[in-house]
């Protein structure tokens, strides 16, 4: 019991010393940034695989639209590529025969030129077919939303069976934020803000635990204007510990030398 009291007293003294040697600000937590995700084509939602608060890894499937039409167009494009390849190979064989006949003096130069034009047109047709196949593959990929990075699902506004119109998506279907780092944000006056520079070391205290951070950004536009003057955002970035479950709006204390 005595040892526990000593530890508590030492912690209190350390906290007091830290507050005296650093400028202390009260703030709250925010995500570093959020990414709003929408589909780029009209369709029906086939499956949503995530919920708000769920952690995901980069590349994880978040949402899938009905893919039948996109898959059919891709199959059609592949068939056109196969046909164009056959036509190009046939044109190359015909050109080779025409060159041989021309060398032997059995056909006129005009017939050789015609064979060359047919071969060039067939090659161009194959390239166009391959481009159409690539476009169809992109269209198929766009029927899915995948996580752009490791993070947490902040918001989910879509469910299975929903009909989505690409031009009427006022709200994002899914919002994701990276959670390996977070911001400690404080409101400060312009005179206080001038004392900080980006990259300057800082500390953030959460539930009594301190972690190292740095000044991430200095507000440019005022959040609001009060009687004492305008106030701006001051953001401190720090790394989240793997075992932590931090959320925006949690209150923190910020210490800056």
C-alpha atoms as a PDB file:
ATOM      1  CA  UNK A   1       0.000   0.000   0.000  1.00  0.00           C
ATOM      2  CA  UNK A   2       2.837   2.362   0.924  1.00  0.00           C
ATOM      3  CA  UNK A   3       4.591   1.601  -2.364  1.00  0.00           C
ATOM      4  CA  UNK A   4       1.406   2.363  -4.311  1.00  0.00           C
ATOM      5  CA  UNK A   5       1.083   5.724  -2.561  1.00  0.00           C
ATOM      6  CA  UNK A   6       4.696   6.538  -3.435  1.00  0.00           C
ATOM      7  CA  UNK A   7       4.078   5.720  -7.093  1.00  0.00           C
ATOM      8  CA  UNK A   8       0.994   7.944  -7.162  1.00  0.00           C
ATOM      9  CA  UNK A   9       2.886  10.795  -5.515  1.00  0.00           C
ATOM     10  CA  UNK A  10       5.786  10.467  -7.964  1.00  0.00           C
ATOM     11  CA  UNK A  11       3.365  10.447 -10.898  1.00  0.00           C
ATOM     12  CA  UNK A  12       1.702  13.586  -9.566  1.00  0.00           C
ATOM     13  CA  UNK A  13       5.048  15.307  -9.077  1.00  0.00           C
ATOM     14  CA  UNK A  14       6.183  14.329 -12.594  1.00  0.00           C
ATOM     15  CA  UNK A  15       2.945  15.635 -14.043  1.00  0.00           C
ATOM     16  CA  UNK A  16       3.333  18.891 -12.136  1.00  0.00           C
ATOM     17  CA  UNK A  17       6.944  19.269 -13.298  1.00  0.00           C
ATOM     18  CA  UNK A  18       5.933  18.561 -16.879  1.00  0.00           C
ATOM     19  CA  UNK A  19       3.178  21.154 -16.754  1.00  0.00           C
ATOM     20  CA  UNK A  20       5.570  23.727 -15.304  1.00  0.00           C
ATOM     21  CA  UNK A  21       8.281  23.125 -17.925  1.00  0.00           C
ATOM     22  CA  UNK A  22       5.942  23.028 -20.924  1.00  0.00           C
ATOM     23  CA  UNK A  23       3.068  25.036 -22.276  1.00  0.00           C
ATOM     24  CA  UNK A  24      -0.100  23.069 -21.573  1.00  0.00           C
ATOM     25  CA  UNK A  25      -3.134  23.073 -23.844  1.00  0.00           C
ATOM     26  CA  UNK A  26      -6.407  21.222 -23.594  1.00  0.00           C
ATOM     27  CA  UNK A  27      -7.589  19.504 -26.735  1.00  0.00           C
ATOM     28  CA  UNK A  28      -9.337  16.537 -28.267  1.00  0.00           C
ATOM     29  CA  UNK A  29      -8.578  13.732 -30.701  1.00  0.00           C
ATOM     30  CA  UNK A  30      -9.289  13.741 -34.435  1.00  0.00           C
ATOM     31  CA  UNK A  31      -8.492  11.447 -37.353  1.00  0.00           C
ATOM     32  CA  UNK A  32      -5.522  12.623 -39.417  1.00  0.00           C
ATOM     33  CA  UNK A  33      -7.791  12.512 -42.462  1.00  0.00           C
ATOM     34  CA  UNK A  34     -10.848  10.728 -43.812  1.00  0.00           C
ATOM     35  CA  UNK A  35     -11.490   9.292 -47.274  1.00  0.00           C
ATOM     36  CA  UNK A  36     -15.041   9.338 -48.619  1.00  0.00           C
ATOM     37  CA  UNK A  37     -15.766   6.405 -50.918  1.00  0.00           C
ATOM     38  CA  UNK A  38     -18.443   6.290 -53.616  1.00  0.00           C
ATOM     39  CA  UNK A  39     -19.088   4.033 -56.597  1.00  0.00           C
ATOM     40  CA  UNK A  40     -18.507   5.490 -60.052  1.00  0.00           C
ATOM     41  CA  UNK A  41     -21.226   3.572 -61.883  1.00  0.00           C
ATOM     42  CA  UNK A  42     -24.970   3.166 -61.382  1.00  0.00           C
ATOM     43  CA  UNK A  43     -26.022  -0.214 -60.045  1.00  0.00           C
ATOM     44  CA  UNK A  44     -27.399  -2.384 -57.249  1.00  0.00           C
ATOM     45  CA  UNK A  45     -25.395  -3.136 -54.116  1.00  0.00           C
ATOM     46  CA  UNK A  46     -24.835  -6.883 -53.917  1.00  0.00           C
ATOM     47  CA  UNK A  47     -22.910  -7.080 -50.652  1.00  0.00           C
ATOM     48  CA  UNK A  48     -21.457  -4.805 -47.965  1.00  0.00           C
ATOM     49  CA  UNK A  49     -18.736  -6.549 -45.990  1.00  0.00           C
ATOM     50  CA  UNK A  50     -17.839  -3.991 -43.306  1.00  0.00           C
ATOM     51  CA  UNK A  51     -19.441  -2.081 -40.455  1.00  0.00           C
ATOM     52  CA  UNK A  52     -18.573   1.141 -38.645  1.00  0.00           C
ATOM     53  CA  UNK A  53     -15.709   0.665 -36.204  1.00  0.00           C
ATOM     54  CA  UNK A  54     -14.243  -2.299 -38.073  1.00  0.00           C
ATOM     55  CA  UNK A  55     -10.501  -2.354 -38.749  1.00  0.00           C
ATOM     56  CA  UNK A  56      -9.488  -3.203 -42.316  1.00  0.00           C
ATOM     57  CA  UNK A  57      -6.240  -3.772 -44.183  1.00  0.00           C
ATOM     58  CA  UNK A  58      -5.222  -2.185 -47.467  1.00  0.00           C
ATOM     59  CA  UNK A  59      -6.920  -3.992 -50.346  1.00  0.00           C
ATOM     60  CA  UNK A  60      -9.717  -5.526 -48.260  1.00  0.00           C
ATOM     61  CA  UNK A  61     -13.060  -5.697 -50.070  1.00  0.00           C
ATOM     62  CA  UNK A  62     -15.539  -3.262 -48.527  1.00  0.00           C
ATOM     63  CA  UNK A  63     -18.459  -3.306 -50.964  1.00  0.00           C
ATOM     64  CA  UNK A  64     -19.443  -5.155 -54.123  1.00  0.00           C
ATOM     65  CA  UNK A  65     -22.010  -4.049 -56.689  1.00  0.00           C
ATOM     66  CA  UNK A  66     -23.922  -6.426 -58.974  1.00  0.00           C
ATOM     67  CA  UNK A  67     -21.203  -7.512 -61.414  1.00  0.00           C
ATOM     68  CA  UNK A  68     -23.167  -9.525 -63.983  1.00  0.00           C
ATOM     69  CA  UNK A  69     -23.326  -6.841 -66.667  1.00  0.00           C
ATOM     70  CA  UNK A  70     -19.671  -5.872 -66.210  1.00  0.00           C
ATOM     71  CA  UNK A  71     -18.592  -9.523 -66.338  1.00  0.00           C
ATOM     72  CA  UNK A  72     -20.592 -10.087 -69.533  1.00  0.00           C
ATOM     73  CA  UNK A  73     -18.981  -7.070 -71.204  1.00  0.00           C
ATOM     74  CA  UNK A  74     -15.546  -8.330 -70.198  1.00  0.00           C
ATOM     75  CA  UNK A  75     -16.246 -11.759 -71.716  1.00  0.00           C
ATOM     76  CA  UNK A  76     -17.421 -10.069 -74.924  1.00  0.00           C
ATOM     77  CA  UNK A  77     -14.259  -7.963 -75.020  1.00  0.00           C
ATOM     78  CA  UNK A  78     -12.070 -11.055 -74.535  1.00  0.00           C
ATOM     79  CA  UNK A  79     -13.864 -12.764 -77.434  1.00  0.00           C
ATOM     80  CA  UNK A  80     -13.208  -9.755 -79.669  1.00  0.00           C
ATOM     81  CA  UNK A  81      -9.526  -9.880 -78.758  1.00  0.00           C
ATOM     82  CA  UNK A  82      -9.372 -13.553 -79.717  1.00  0.00           C
ATOM     83  CA  UNK A  83     -11.101 -12.882 -83.047  1.00  0.00           C
ATOM     84  CA  UNK A  84      -8.875  -9.886 -83.792  1.00  0.00           C
ATOM     85  CA  UNK A  85      -5.767 -11.951 -83.036  1.00  0.00           C
ATOM     86  CA  UNK A  86      -6.872 -14.616 -85.524  1.00  0.00           C
ATOM     87  CA  UNK A  87      -7.513 -11.967 -88.180  1.00  0.00           C
ATOM     88  CA  UNK A  88      -4.134 -10.360 -87.557  1.00  0.00           C
ATOM     89  CA  UNK A  89      -2.294 -13.694 -87.832  1.00  0.00           C
ATOM     90  CA  UNK A  90      -4.160 -14.469 -91.079  1.00  0.00           C
ATOM     91  CA  UNK A  91      -3.249 -11.046 -92.481  1.00  0.00           C
ATOM     92  CA  UNK A  92       0.416 -11.639 -91.608  1.00  0.00           C
ATOM     93  CA  UNK A  93       0.411 -14.982 -93.421  1.00  0.00           C
ATOM     94  CA  UNK A  94      -1.257 -13.408 -96.470  1.00  0.00           C
ATOM     95  CA  UNK A  95       1.338 -10.633 -96.462  1.00  0.00           C
ATOM     96  CA  UNK A  96       4.185 -13.152 -96.296  1.00  0.00           C
ATOM     97  CA  UNK A  97       2.747 -15.019 -99.305  1.00  0.00           C
ATOM     98  CA  UNK A  98       2.241 -11.772-101.203  1.00  0.00           C
ATOM     99  CA  UNK A  99       5.862 -10.758-100.566  1.00  0.00           C
ATOM    100  CA  UNK A 100       7.053 -14.119-101.848  1.00  0.00           C
ATOM    101  CA  UNK A 101       4.887 -13.871-104.969  1.00  0.00           C
ATOM    102  CA  UNK A 102       6.038 -10.300-105.571  1.00  0.00           C
ATOM    103  CA  UNK A 103       9.682 -11.338-105.287  1.00  0.00           C
ATOM    104  CA  UNK A 104       9.010 -13.990-107.921  1.00  0.00           C
ATOM    105  CA  UNK A 105       7.341 -11.420-110.143  1.00  0.00           C
ATOM    106  CA  UNK A 106       3.943 -13.126-110.031  1.00  0.00           C
ATOM    107  CA  UNK A 107       1.911 -10.182-108.638  1.00  0.00           C
ATOM    108  CA  UNK A 108       1.968  -6.431-109.094  1.00  0.00           C
ATOM    109  CA  UNK A 109       3.168  -3.929-106.514  1.00  0.00           C
ATOM    110  CA  UNK A 110      -0.431  -2.813-105.956  1.00  0.00           C
ATOM    111  CA  UNK A 111      -1.433  -6.266-104.693  1.00  0.00           C
ATOM    112  CA  UNK A 112       1.507  -6.271-102.283  1.00  0.00           C
ATOM    113  CA  UNK A 113       0.503  -2.835-100.988  1.00  0.00           C
ATOM    114  CA  UNK A 114      -3.066  -4.073-100.487  1.00  0.00           C
ATOM    115  CA  UNK A 115      -1.800  -7.000 -98.406  1.00  0.00           C
ATOM    116  CA  UNK A 116       0.315  -4.634 -96.311  1.00  0.00           C
ATOM    117  CA  UNK A 117      -2.698  -2.398 -95.671  1.00  0.00           C
ATOM    118  CA  UNK A 118      -4.812  -5.375 -94.623  1.00  0.00           C
ATOM    119  CA  UNK A 119      -2.089  -6.485 -92.200  1.00  0.00           C
ATOM    120  CA  UNK A 120      -1.789  -2.982 -90.683  1.00  0.00           C
ATOM    121  CA  UNK A 121      -5.568  -2.700 -90.320  1.00  0.00           C
ATOM    122  CA  UNK A 122      -5.754  -6.123 -88.653  1.00  0.00           C
ATOM    123  CA  UNK A 123      -3.012  -5.181 -86.188  1.00  0.00           C
ATOM    124  CA  UNK A 124      -4.800  -1.925 -85.377  1.00  0.00           C
ATOM    125  CA  UNK A 125      -8.056  -3.811 -84.891  1.00  0.00           C
ATOM    126  CA  UNK A 126      -6.368  -6.136 -82.411  1.00  0.00           C
ATOM    127  CA  UNK A 127      -4.948  -3.195 -80.465  1.00  0.00           C
ATOM    128  CA  UNK A 128      -8.403  -1.601 -80.324  1.00  0.00           C
ATOM    129  CA  UNK A 129      -9.877  -4.876 -79.073  1.00  0.00           C
ATOM    130  CA  UNK A 130      -7.223  -5.100 -76.356  1.00  0.00           C
ATOM    131  CA  UNK A 131      -7.976  -1.523 -75.310  1.00  0.00           C
ATOM    132  CA  UNK A 132     -11.674  -2.378 -75.074  1.00  0.00           C
ATOM    133  CA  UNK A 133     -10.782  -5.415 -72.952  1.00  0.00           C
ATOM    134  CA  UNK A 134      -8.717  -3.238 -70.600  1.00  0.00           C
ATOM    135  CA  UNK A 135     -11.600  -0.769 -70.328  1.00  0.00           C
ATOM    136  CA  UNK A 136     -14.028  -3.585 -69.515  1.00  0.00           C
ATOM    137  CA  UNK A 137     -11.661  -4.875 -66.845  1.00  0.00           C
ATOM    138  CA  UNK A 138     -11.515  -1.419 -65.256  1.00  0.00           C
ATOM    139  CA  UNK A 139     -15.321  -1.235 -65.331  1.00  0.00           C
ATOM    140  CA  UNK A 140     -15.479  -4.583 -63.527  1.00  0.00           C
ATOM    141  CA  UNK A 141     -12.971  -3.416 -60.907  1.00  0.00           C
ATOM    142  CA  UNK A 142     -15.072  -0.306 -60.329  1.00  0.00           C
ATOM    143  CA  UNK A 143     -17.973  -2.454 -59.151  1.00  0.00           C
ATOM    144  CA  UNK A 144     -15.972  -2.983 -55.958  1.00  0.00           C
ATOM    145  CA  UNK A 145     -14.758  -0.653 -53.230  1.00  0.00           C
ATOM    146  CA  UNK A 146     -11.518  -1.738 -51.565  1.00  0.00           C
ATOM    147  CA  UNK A 147      -9.657  -0.222 -48.634  1.00  0.00           C
ATOM    148  CA  UNK A 148      -7.028   2.245 -49.926  1.00  0.00           C
ATOM    149  CA  UNK A 149      -4.948   1.793 -46.762  1.00  0.00           C
ATOM    150  CA  UNK A 150      -4.968   0.152 -43.329  1.00  0.00           C
ATOM    151  CA  UNK A 151      -7.546   1.903 -41.205  1.00  0.00           C
ATOM    152  CA  UNK A 152     -10.935   1.956 -39.544  1.00  0.00           C
ATOM    153  CA  UNK A 153     -14.408   2.250 -41.031  1.00  0.00           C
ATOM    154  CA  UNK A 154     -15.760   5.553 -39.738  1.00  0.00           C
ATOM    155  CA  UNK A 155     -19.153   5.538 -41.441  1.00  0.00           C
ATOM    156  CA  UNK A 156     -21.279   3.072 -43.389  1.00  0.00           C
ATOM    157  CA  UNK A 157     -24.345   4.459 -45.160  1.00  0.00           C
ATOM    158  CA  UNK A 158     -25.244   1.603 -47.516  1.00  0.00           C
ATOM    159  CA  UNK A 159     -26.851  -1.824 -47.243  1.00  0.00           C
ATOM    160  CA  UNK A 160     -27.388  -4.849 -49.455  1.00  0.00           C
ATOM    161  CA  UNK A 161     -29.898  -4.280 -52.244  1.00  0.00           C
ATOM    162  CA  UNK A 162     -29.592  -0.499 -52.339  1.00  0.00           C
ATOM    163  CA  UNK A 163     -29.900   1.092 -55.785  1.00  0.00           C
ATOM    164  CA  UNK A 164     -27.097   3.590 -56.327  1.00  0.00           C
ATOM    165  CA  UNK A 165     -27.138   6.301 -58.989  1.00  0.00           C
ATOM    166  CA  UNK A 166     -23.671   7.634 -59.676  1.00  0.00           C
ATOM    167  CA  UNK A 167     -24.949  11.206 -60.130  1.00  0.00           C
ATOM    168  CA  UNK A 168     -27.063  11.218 -56.952  1.00  0.00           C
ATOM    169  CA  UNK A 169     -24.528  10.228 -54.298  1.00  0.00           C
ATOM    170  CA  UNK A 170     -24.644  13.278 -52.059  1.00  0.00           C
ATOM    171  CA  UNK A 171     -23.294  11.329 -49.088  1.00  0.00           C
ATOM    172  CA  UNK A 172     -20.410   8.853 -49.332  1.00  0.00           C
ATOM    173  CA  UNK A 173     -21.307   5.175 -49.041  1.00  0.00           C
ATOM    174  CA  UNK A 174     -18.335   4.416 -46.804  1.00  0.00           C
ATOM    175  CA  UNK A 175     -15.890   6.663 -44.949  1.00  0.00           C
ATOM    176  CA  UNK A 176     -12.513   5.255 -43.912  1.00  0.00           C
ATOM    177  CA  UNK A 177      -9.694   6.812 -41.882  1.00  0.00           C
ATOM    178  CA  UNK A 178      -6.148   5.649 -41.128  1.00  0.00           C
ATOM    179  CA  UNK A 179      -5.792   4.932 -37.416  1.00  0.00           C
ATOM    180  CA  UNK A 180      -2.086   4.206 -37.047  1.00  0.00           C
ATOM    181  CA  UNK A 181      -1.691   7.909 -36.256  1.00  0.00           C
ATOM    182  CA  UNK A 182      -4.066  10.455 -34.756  1.00  0.00           C
ATOM    183  CA  UNK A 183      -4.245  14.180 -34.185  1.00  0.00           C
ATOM    184  CA  UNK A 184      -4.513  15.986 -30.887  1.00  0.00           C
ATOM    185  CA  UNK A 185      -6.250  19.257 -31.756  1.00  0.00           C
ATOM    186  CA  UNK A 186      -6.443  22.419 -29.682  1.00  0.00           C
ATOM    187  CA  UNK A 187      -7.929  25.864 -30.187  1.00  0.00           C
ATOM    188  CA  UNK A 188      -5.413  28.669 -29.737  1.00  0.00           C
ATOM    189  CA  UNK A 189      -5.241  32.384 -30.368  1.00  0.00           C
ATOM    190  CA  UNK A 190      -3.158  33.873 -33.154  1.00  0.00           C
ATOM    191  CA  UNK A 191      -0.484  35.049 -30.718  1.00  0.00           C
ATOM    192  CA  UNK A 192      -0.168  31.545 -29.267  1.00  0.00           C
ATOM    193  CA  UNK A 193      -0.094  29.962 -32.724  1.00  0.00           C
ATOM    194  CA  UNK A 194       2.888  32.112 -33.734  1.00  0.00           C
ATOM    195  CA  UNK A 195       5.026  30.388 -31.123  1.00  0.00           C
ATOM    196  CA  UNK A 196       4.798  27.029 -32.890  1.00  0.00           C
ATOM    197  CA  UNK A 197       6.424  25.672 -36.037  1.00  0.00           C
ATOM    198  CA  UNK A 198       5.605  22.506 -38.018  1.00  0.00           C
ATOM    199  CA  UNK A 199       7.677  19.558 -36.821  1.00  0.00           C
ATOM    200  CA  UNK A 200       8.250  21.031 -33.373  1.00  0.00           C
ATOM    201  CA  UNK A 201       8.332  18.289 -30.675  1.00  0.00           C
ATOM    202  CA  UNK A 202       5.268  17.941 -28.469  1.00  0.00           C
ATOM    203  CA  UNK A 203       3.696  15.483 -26.068  1.00  0.00           C
ATOM    204  CA  UNK A 204       0.138  14.259 -25.804  1.00  0.00           C
ATOM    205  CA  UNK A 205      -1.339  12.928 -22.579  1.00  0.00           C
ATOM    206  CA  UNK A 206      -4.241  10.484 -22.857  1.00  0.00           C
ATOM    207  CA  UNK A 207      -5.689   8.925 -19.697  1.00  0.00           C
ATOM    208  CA  UNK A 208      -2.521   9.822 -17.841  1.00  0.00           C
ATOM    209  CA  UNK A 209      -0.228   8.223 -20.433  1.00  0.00           C
ATOM    210  CA  UNK A 210       2.243  10.371 -22.355  1.00  0.00           C
ATOM    211  CA  UNK A 211       3.405   9.773 -25.906  1.00  0.00           C
ATOM    212  CA  UNK A 212       5.761  11.692 -28.157  1.00  0.00           C
ATOM    213  CA  UNK A 213       4.403  13.714 -31.050  1.00  0.00           C
ATOM    214  CA  UNK A 214       5.130  16.740 -33.178  1.00  0.00           C
ATOM    215  CA  UNK A 215       3.348  19.810 -34.472  1.00  0.00           C
ATOM    216  CA  UNK A 216       1.540  18.665 -37.614  1.00  0.00           C
ATOM    217  CA  UNK A 217      -0.225  21.771 -38.882  1.00  0.00           C
ATOM    218  CA  UNK A 218      -1.010  25.352 -37.946  1.00  0.00           C
ATOM    219  CA  UNK A 219      -4.444  26.741 -38.708  1.00  0.00           C
ATOM    220  CA  UNK A 220      -4.627  29.283 -41.513  1.00  0.00           C
ATOM    221  CA  UNK A 221      -8.279  30.292 -41.370  1.00  0.00           C
ATOM    222  CA  UNK A 222      -9.921  31.220 -38.090  1.00  0.00           C
ATOM    223  CA  UNK A 223     -12.360  28.707 -36.639  1.00  0.00           C
ATOM    224  CA  UNK A 224     -14.306  31.530 -35.041  1.00  0.00           C
ATOM    225  CA  UNK A 225     -13.810  35.043 -33.704  1.00  0.00           C
ATOM    226  CA  UNK A 226     -14.298  35.688 -30.000  1.00  0.00           C
ATOM    227  CA  UNK A 227     -14.013  38.792 -27.830  1.00  0.00           C
ATOM    228  CA  UNK A 228     -10.372  37.933 -27.138  1.00  0.00           C
ATOM    229  CA  UNK A 229      -9.696  37.568 -30.855  1.00  0.00           C
ATOM    230  CA  UNK A 230      -9.691  34.876 -33.510  1.00  0.00           C
ATOM    231  CA  UNK A 231      -8.932  31.259 -32.596  1.00  0.00           C
ATOM    232  CA  UNK A 232      -7.251  28.679 -34.810  1.00  0.00           C
ATOM    233  CA  UNK A 233      -6.584  24.943 -34.880  1.00  0.00           C
ATOM    234  CA  UNK A 234      -3.246  23.610 -33.666  1.00  0.00           C
ATOM    235  CA  UNK A 235      -2.722  19.946 -34.588  1.00  0.00           C
ATOM    236  CA  UNK A 236      -0.243  17.563 -32.960  1.00  0.00           C
ATOM    237  CA  UNK A 237       0.314  14.199 -34.647  1.00  0.00           C
ATOM    238  CA  UNK A 238       1.366  11.072 -32.757  1.00  0.00           C
ATOM    239  CA  UNK A 239       1.477   7.315 -33.285  1.00  0.00           C
ATOM    240  CA  UNK A 240      -1.308   5.167 -31.889  1.00  0.00           C
ATOM    241  CA  UNK A 241      -0.201   2.187 -29.857  1.00  0.00           C
ATOM    242  CA  UNK A 242      -1.321  -1.166 -31.336  1.00  0.00           C
ATOM    243  CA  UNK A 243      -3.423  -2.081 -28.303  1.00  0.00           C
ATOM    244  CA  UNK A 244      -5.181   1.290 -28.077  1.00  0.00           C
ATOM    245  CA  UNK A 245      -8.725   1.981 -29.200  1.00  0.00           C
ATOM    246  CA  UNK A 246      -8.747   5.737 -29.567  1.00  0.00           C
ATOM    247  CA  UNK A 247     -11.718   7.670 -30.892  1.00  0.00           C
ATOM    248  CA  UNK A 248     -12.230  11.250 -32.081  1.00  0.00           C
ATOM    249  CA  UNK A 249     -13.460  13.782 -29.503  1.00  0.00           C
ATOM    250  CA  UNK A 250     -11.673  12.100 -26.582  1.00  0.00           C
ATOM    251  CA  UNK A 251     -10.158  14.841 -24.418  1.00  0.00           C
ATOM    252  CA  UNK A 252      -6.376  15.118 -24.134  1.00  0.00           C
ATOM    253  CA  UNK A 253      -3.705  17.403 -22.742  1.00  0.00           C
ATOM    254  CA  UNK A 254      -0.978  18.767 -24.994  1.00  0.00           C
ATOM    255  CA  UNK A 255       2.452  19.798 -23.734  1.00  0.00           C
ATOM    256  CA  UNK A 256       4.763  21.804 -25.985  1.00  0.00           C
ATOM    257  CA  UNK A 257       8.240  23.020 -24.912  1.00  0.00           C
END
